[in-house]
Amino acid sequence: MSALPEQYQRYVQPGPRPVHGEVELQAERDPVVWVPDAYGEMVPMRRSQAPVLPTATVPRDLTPQPVFDPLAQRMAAAGVGAGAAGAGVGWGIGQAAAGVASIGGSMAVVAMLALWLLARASRPSVQVRQTVHNHARWFGKNTTNLG
């Protein structure tokens, strides 16, 4: 007889009790599956110990993709366009500045030429003629005559 109170006695089922070891219930037991081993033979194995089946791979999208990202292309084109515009503006300003500088430089040349011509016309013409005769002889003997 059990040590349970009377109201729970009807739920007790008589039967042999295990004397030692773990108690394994029928509902807790894994079903047995047959798996191929390394040699191709089928061996029994509990389902909880069986290797996990590989999941089916999702088919890949094989449609051709653009080589470069369209958004990146637009951004790069905008940057190149802005750079080219900036370079064009800078080149134009440089050309204008060069023109202004060349006008100033050419005016300076014209002014110097005018001053040189004015100075030349206002003084008399003077010609100086000088001749130098050098005679070199042996042993470093040199004679110079100015004429």
C-alpha atoms as a PDB file:
ATOM      1  CA  MET A   1       0.000   0.000   0.000  1.00  0.00           C
ATOM      2  CA  SER A   2       1.081   3.577  -0.669  1.00  0.00           C
ATOM      3  CA  ALA A   3       1.728   6.318   1.835  1.00  0.00           C
ATOM      4  CA  LEU A   4      -0.565   8.688  -0.096  1.00  0.00           C
ATOM      5  CA  PRO A   5      -3.811   9.944   1.398  1.00  0.00           C
ATOM      6  CA  GLU A   6      -6.961   7.998   0.529  1.00  0.00           C
ATOM      7  CA  GLN A   7      -8.274  10.509  -1.935  1.00  0.00           C
ATOM      8  CA  TYR A   8      -5.180   9.952  -4.160  1.00  0.00           C
ATOM      9  CA  GLN A   9      -5.011   6.177  -3.791  1.00  0.00           C
ATOM     10  CA  ARG A  10      -7.103   5.553  -6.915  1.00  0.00           C
ATOM     11  CA  TYR A  11      -4.432   7.212  -9.103  1.00  0.00           C
ATOM     12  CA  VAL A  12      -1.678   4.872  -7.981  1.00  0.00           C
ATOM     13  CA  GLN A  13      -0.997   2.044 -10.435  1.00  0.00           C
ATOM     14  CA  PRO A  14       0.525  -1.088  -9.011  1.00  0.00           C
ATOM     15  CA  GLY A  15       3.585  -2.362 -10.768  1.00  0.00           C
ATOM     16  CA  PRO A  16       7.275  -3.089 -10.369  1.00  0.00           C
ATOM     17  CA  ARG A  17       9.403  -0.194  -9.300  1.00  0.00           C
ATOM     18  CA  PRO A  18      12.960   0.212 -10.556  1.00  0.00           C
ATOM     19  CA  VAL A  19      15.428  -0.518  -7.875  1.00  0.00           C
ATOM     20  CA  HIS A  20      18.269   1.595  -9.288  1.00  0.00           C
ATOM     21  CA  GLY A  21      19.166   3.716 -12.367  1.00  0.00           C
ATOM     22  CA  GLU A  22      17.286   6.384 -14.238  1.00  0.00           C
ATOM     23  CA  VAL A  23      13.623   6.163 -14.925  1.00  0.00           C
ATOM     24  CA  GLU A  24      12.899   6.448 -18.630  1.00  0.00           C
ATOM     25  CA  LEU A  25       9.312   6.978 -19.601  1.00  0.00           C
ATOM     26  CA  GLN A  26       7.925   5.677 -22.882  1.00  0.00           C
ATOM     27  CA  ALA A  27       6.783   9.156 -23.933  1.00  0.00           C
ATOM     28  CA  GLU A  28      10.244  10.601 -23.325  1.00  0.00           C
ATOM     29  CA  ARG A  29      12.028   8.152 -25.614  1.00  0.00           C
ATOM     30  CA  ASP A  30      13.168   9.515 -28.967  1.00  0.00           C
ATOM     31  CA  PRO A  31      12.076   7.682 -32.084  1.00  0.00           C
ATOM     32  CA  VAL A  32      14.785   5.710 -33.845  1.00  0.00           C
ATOM     33  CA  VAL A  33      15.804   6.789 -37.339  1.00  0.00           C
ATOM     34  CA  TRP A  34      18.068   5.039 -39.827  1.00  0.00           C
ATOM     35  CA  VAL A  35      21.041   7.059 -41.044  1.00  0.00           C
ATOM     36  CA  PRO A  36      23.834   6.107 -43.442  1.00  0.00           C
ATOM     37  CA  ASP A  37      27.214   5.708 -41.801  1.00  0.00           C
ATOM     38  CA  ALA A  38      30.663   6.418 -43.270  1.00  0.00           C
ATOM     39  CA  TYR A  39      30.574   3.195 -45.297  1.00  0.00           C
ATOM     40  CA  GLY A  40      27.099   3.757 -46.747  1.00  0.00           C
ATOM     41  CA  GLU A  41      25.322   1.221 -44.512  1.00  0.00           C
ATOM     42  CA  MET A  42      22.183   2.258 -42.670  1.00  0.00           C
ATOM     43  CA  VAL A  43      22.506   2.282 -38.875  1.00  0.00           C
ATOM     44  CA  PRO A  44      19.836   3.007 -36.230  1.00  0.00           C
ATOM     45  CA  MET A  45      20.203   6.205 -34.241  1.00  0.00           C
ATOM     46  CA  ARG A  46      17.976   8.228 -31.952  1.00  0.00           C
ATOM     47  CA  ARG A  47      16.528  11.281 -33.663  1.00  0.00           C
ATOM     48  CA  SER A  48      17.960  13.651 -31.028  1.00  0.00           C
ATOM     49  CA  GLN A  49      21.462  12.306 -31.758  1.00  0.00           C
ATOM     50  CA  ALA A  50      21.138  12.269 -35.552  1.00  0.00           C
ATOM     51  CA  PRO A  51      23.022  14.922 -37.498  1.00  0.00           C
ATOM     52  CA  VAL A  52      20.994  17.904 -38.535  1.00  0.00           C
ATOM     53  CA  LEU A  53      19.820  17.741 -42.118  1.00  0.00           C
ATOM     54  CA  PRO A  54      21.200  20.526 -44.255  1.00  0.00           C
ATOM     55  CA  THR A  55      18.618  23.157 -45.039  1.00  0.00           C
ATOM     56  CA  ALA A  56      17.689  23.657 -48.642  1.00  0.00           C
ATOM     57  CA  THR A  57      19.555  26.576 -50.131  1.00  0.00           C
ATOM     58  CA  VAL A  58      17.477  29.401 -51.443  1.00  0.00           C
ATOM     59  CA  PRO A  59      17.984  29.833 -55.183  1.00  0.00           C
ATOM     60  CA  ARG A  60      20.062  32.891 -55.965  1.00  0.00           C
ATOM     61  CA  ASP A  61      18.936  35.752 -58.131  1.00  0.00           C
ATOM     62  CA  LEU A  62      21.087  35.412 -61.248  1.00  0.00           C
ATOM     63  CA  THR A  63      19.776  38.395 -63.163  1.00  0.00           C
ATOM     64  CA  PRO A  64      22.634  40.541 -64.449  1.00  0.00           C
ATOM     65  CA  GLN A  65      23.458  43.477 -62.232  1.00  0.00           C
ATOM     66  CA  PRO A  66      24.962  46.754 -63.445  1.00  0.00           C
ATOM     67  CA  VAL A  67      28.731  46.916 -63.186  1.00  0.00           C
ATOM     68  CA  PHE A  68      28.613  50.203 -61.277  1.00  0.00           C
ATOM     69  CA  ASP A  69      25.925  51.376 -58.928  1.00  0.00           C
ATOM     70  CA  PRO A  70      23.675  53.879 -60.782  1.00  0.00           C
ATOM     71  CA  LEU A  71      23.443  56.143 -57.740  1.00  0.00           C
ATOM     72  CA  ALA A  72      27.223  56.152 -57.400  1.00  0.00           C
ATOM     73  CA  GLN A  73      27.517  56.938 -61.110  1.00  0.00           C
ATOM     74  CA  ARG A  74      25.215  59.937 -60.733  1.00  0.00           C
ATOM     75  CA  MET A  75      27.095  61.176 -57.682  1.00  0.00           C
ATOM     76  CA  ALA A  76      30.463  60.794 -59.423  1.00  0.00           C
ATOM     77  CA  ALA A  77      29.147  62.539 -62.533  1.00  0.00           C
ATOM     78  CA  ALA A  78      27.867  65.417 -60.420  1.00  0.00           C
ATOM     79  CA  GLY A  79      31.244  65.717 -58.734  1.00  0.00           C
ATOM     80  CA  VAL A  80      33.129  65.572 -62.030  1.00  0.00           C
ATOM     81  CA  GLY A  81      30.735  68.090 -63.567  1.00  0.00           C
ATOM     82  CA  ALA A  82      31.148  70.470 -60.656  1.00  0.00           C
ATOM     83  CA  GLY A  83      34.913  70.069 -60.826  1.00  0.00           C
ATOM     84  CA  ALA A  84      34.943  70.722 -64.563  1.00  0.00           C
ATOM     85  CA  ALA A  85      32.755  73.784 -64.119  1.00  0.00           C
ATOM     86  CA  GLY A  86      35.029  75.054 -61.374  1.00  0.00           C
ATOM     87  CA  ALA A  87      38.078  74.420 -63.523  1.00  0.00           C
ATOM     88  CA  GLY A  88      36.432  76.216 -66.441  1.00  0.00           C
ATOM     89  CA  VAL A  89      35.572  79.219 -64.314  1.00  0.00           C
ATOM     90  CA  GLY A  90      39.072  79.248 -62.874  1.00  0.00           C
ATOM     91  CA  TRP A  91      40.593  78.963 -66.357  1.00  0.00           C
ATOM     92  CA  GLY A  92      38.425  81.839 -67.574  1.00  0.00           C
ATOM     93  CA  ILE A  93      39.398  84.030 -64.642  1.00  0.00           C
ATOM     94  CA  GLY A  94      43.033  83.109 -65.260  1.00  0.00           C
ATOM     95  CA  GLN A  95      42.750  84.098 -68.920  1.00  0.00           C
ATOM     96  CA  ALA A  96      41.173  87.424 -67.989  1.00  0.00           C
ATOM     97  CA  ALA A  97      43.859  88.073 -65.404  1.00  0.00           C
ATOM     98  CA  ALA A  98      46.537  87.163 -67.921  1.00  0.00           C
ATOM     99  CA  GLY A  99      45.010  89.608 -70.382  1.00  0.00           C
ATOM    100  CA  VAL A 100      44.991  92.386 -67.815  1.00  0.00           C
ATOM    101  CA  ALA A 101      48.552  91.548 -66.808  1.00  0.00           C
ATOM    102  CA  SER A 102      49.725  91.456 -70.417  1.00  0.00           C
ATOM    103  CA  ILE A 103      48.116  94.835 -71.069  1.00  0.00           C
ATOM    104  CA  GLY A 104      49.952  96.229 -68.093  1.00  0.00           C
ATOM    105  CA  GLY A 105      53.196  94.578 -69.168  1.00  0.00           C
ATOM    106  CA  SER A 106      52.904  95.721 -72.758  1.00  0.00           C
ATOM    107  CA  MET A 107      52.083  99.237 -71.602  1.00  0.00           C
ATOM    108  CA  ALA A 108      55.239  99.208 -69.516  1.00  0.00           C
ATOM    109  CA  VAL A 109      57.262  98.091 -72.569  1.00  0.00           C
ATOM    110  CA  VAL A 110      55.675 100.827 -74.693  1.00  0.00           C
ATOM    111  CA  ALA A 111      56.390 103.441 -72.016  1.00  0.00           C
ATOM    112  CA  MET A 112      60.047 102.333 -71.731  1.00  0.00           C
ATOM    113  CA  LEU A 113      60.441 102.410 -75.512  1.00  0.00           C
ATOM    114  CA  ALA A 114      58.918 105.915 -75.639  1.00  0.00           C
ATOM    115  CA  LEU A 115      61.267 107.136 -72.886  1.00  0.00           C
ATOM    116  CA  TRP A 116      64.276 105.603 -74.628  1.00  0.00           C
ATOM    117  CA  LEU A 117      63.337 107.218 -77.938  1.00  0.00           C
ATOM    118  CA  LEU A 118      62.755 110.565 -76.223  1.00  0.00           C
ATOM    119  CA  ALA A 119      66.110 110.414 -74.475  1.00  0.00           C
ATOM    120  CA  ARG A 120      67.858 109.421 -77.690  1.00  0.00           C
ATOM    121  CA  ALA A 121      66.318 112.238 -79.651  1.00  0.00           C
ATOM    122  CA  SER A 122      67.142 114.938 -77.103  1.00  0.00           C
ATOM    123  CA  ARG A 123      70.951 114.422 -76.906  1.00  0.00           C
ATOM    124  CA  PRO A 124      73.557 114.666 -79.636  1.00  0.00           C
ATOM    125  CA  SER A 125      75.104 111.589 -81.142  1.00  0.00           C
ATOM    126  CA  VAL A 126      78.548 110.757 -79.767  1.00  0.00           C
ATOM    127  CA  GLN A 127      80.715 107.990 -81.156  1.00  0.00           C
ATOM    128  CA  VAL A 128      83.656 106.636 -79.252  1.00  0.00           C
ATOM    129  CA  ARG A 129      86.135 104.438 -81.087  1.00  0.00           C
ATOM    130  CA  GLN A 130      88.829 102.642 -79.218  1.00  0.00           C
ATOM    131  CA  THR A 131      91.176  99.952 -80.462  1.00  0.00           C
ATOM    132  CA  VAL A 132      93.125  97.559 -78.300  1.00  0.00           C
ATOM    133  CA  HIS A 133      96.196  95.689 -79.614  1.00  0.00           C
ATOM    134  CA  ASN A 134      97.503  92.837 -77.491  1.00  0.00           C
ATOM    135  CA  HIS A 135     100.777  91.178 -78.419  1.00  0.00           C
ATOM    136  CA  ALA A 136     101.594  87.923 -76.643  1.00  0.00           C
ATOM    137  CA  ARG A 137     105.147  86.543 -76.815  1.00  0.00           C
ATOM    138  CA  TRP A 138     107.062  83.691 -75.302  1.00  0.00           C
ATOM    139  CA  PHE A 139     107.495  83.269 -71.547  1.00  0.00           C
ATOM    140  CA  GLY A 140     104.472  85.425 -70.653  1.00  0.00           C
ATOM    141  CA  LYS A 141     105.658  88.625 -72.275  1.00  0.00           C
ATOM    142  CA  ASN A 142     102.553  90.634 -73.283  1.00  0.00           C
ATOM    143  CA  THR A 143     102.294  94.119 -74.734  1.00  0.00           C
ATOM    144  CA  THR A 144      99.038  96.112 -74.877  1.00  0.00           C
ATOM    145  CA  ASN A 145      98.590  99.219 -77.048  1.00  0.00           C
ATOM    146  CA  LEU A 146      95.469 101.349 -76.812  1.00  0.00           C
ATOM    147  CA  GLY A 147      94.745 103.396 -79.892  1.00  0.00           C
END
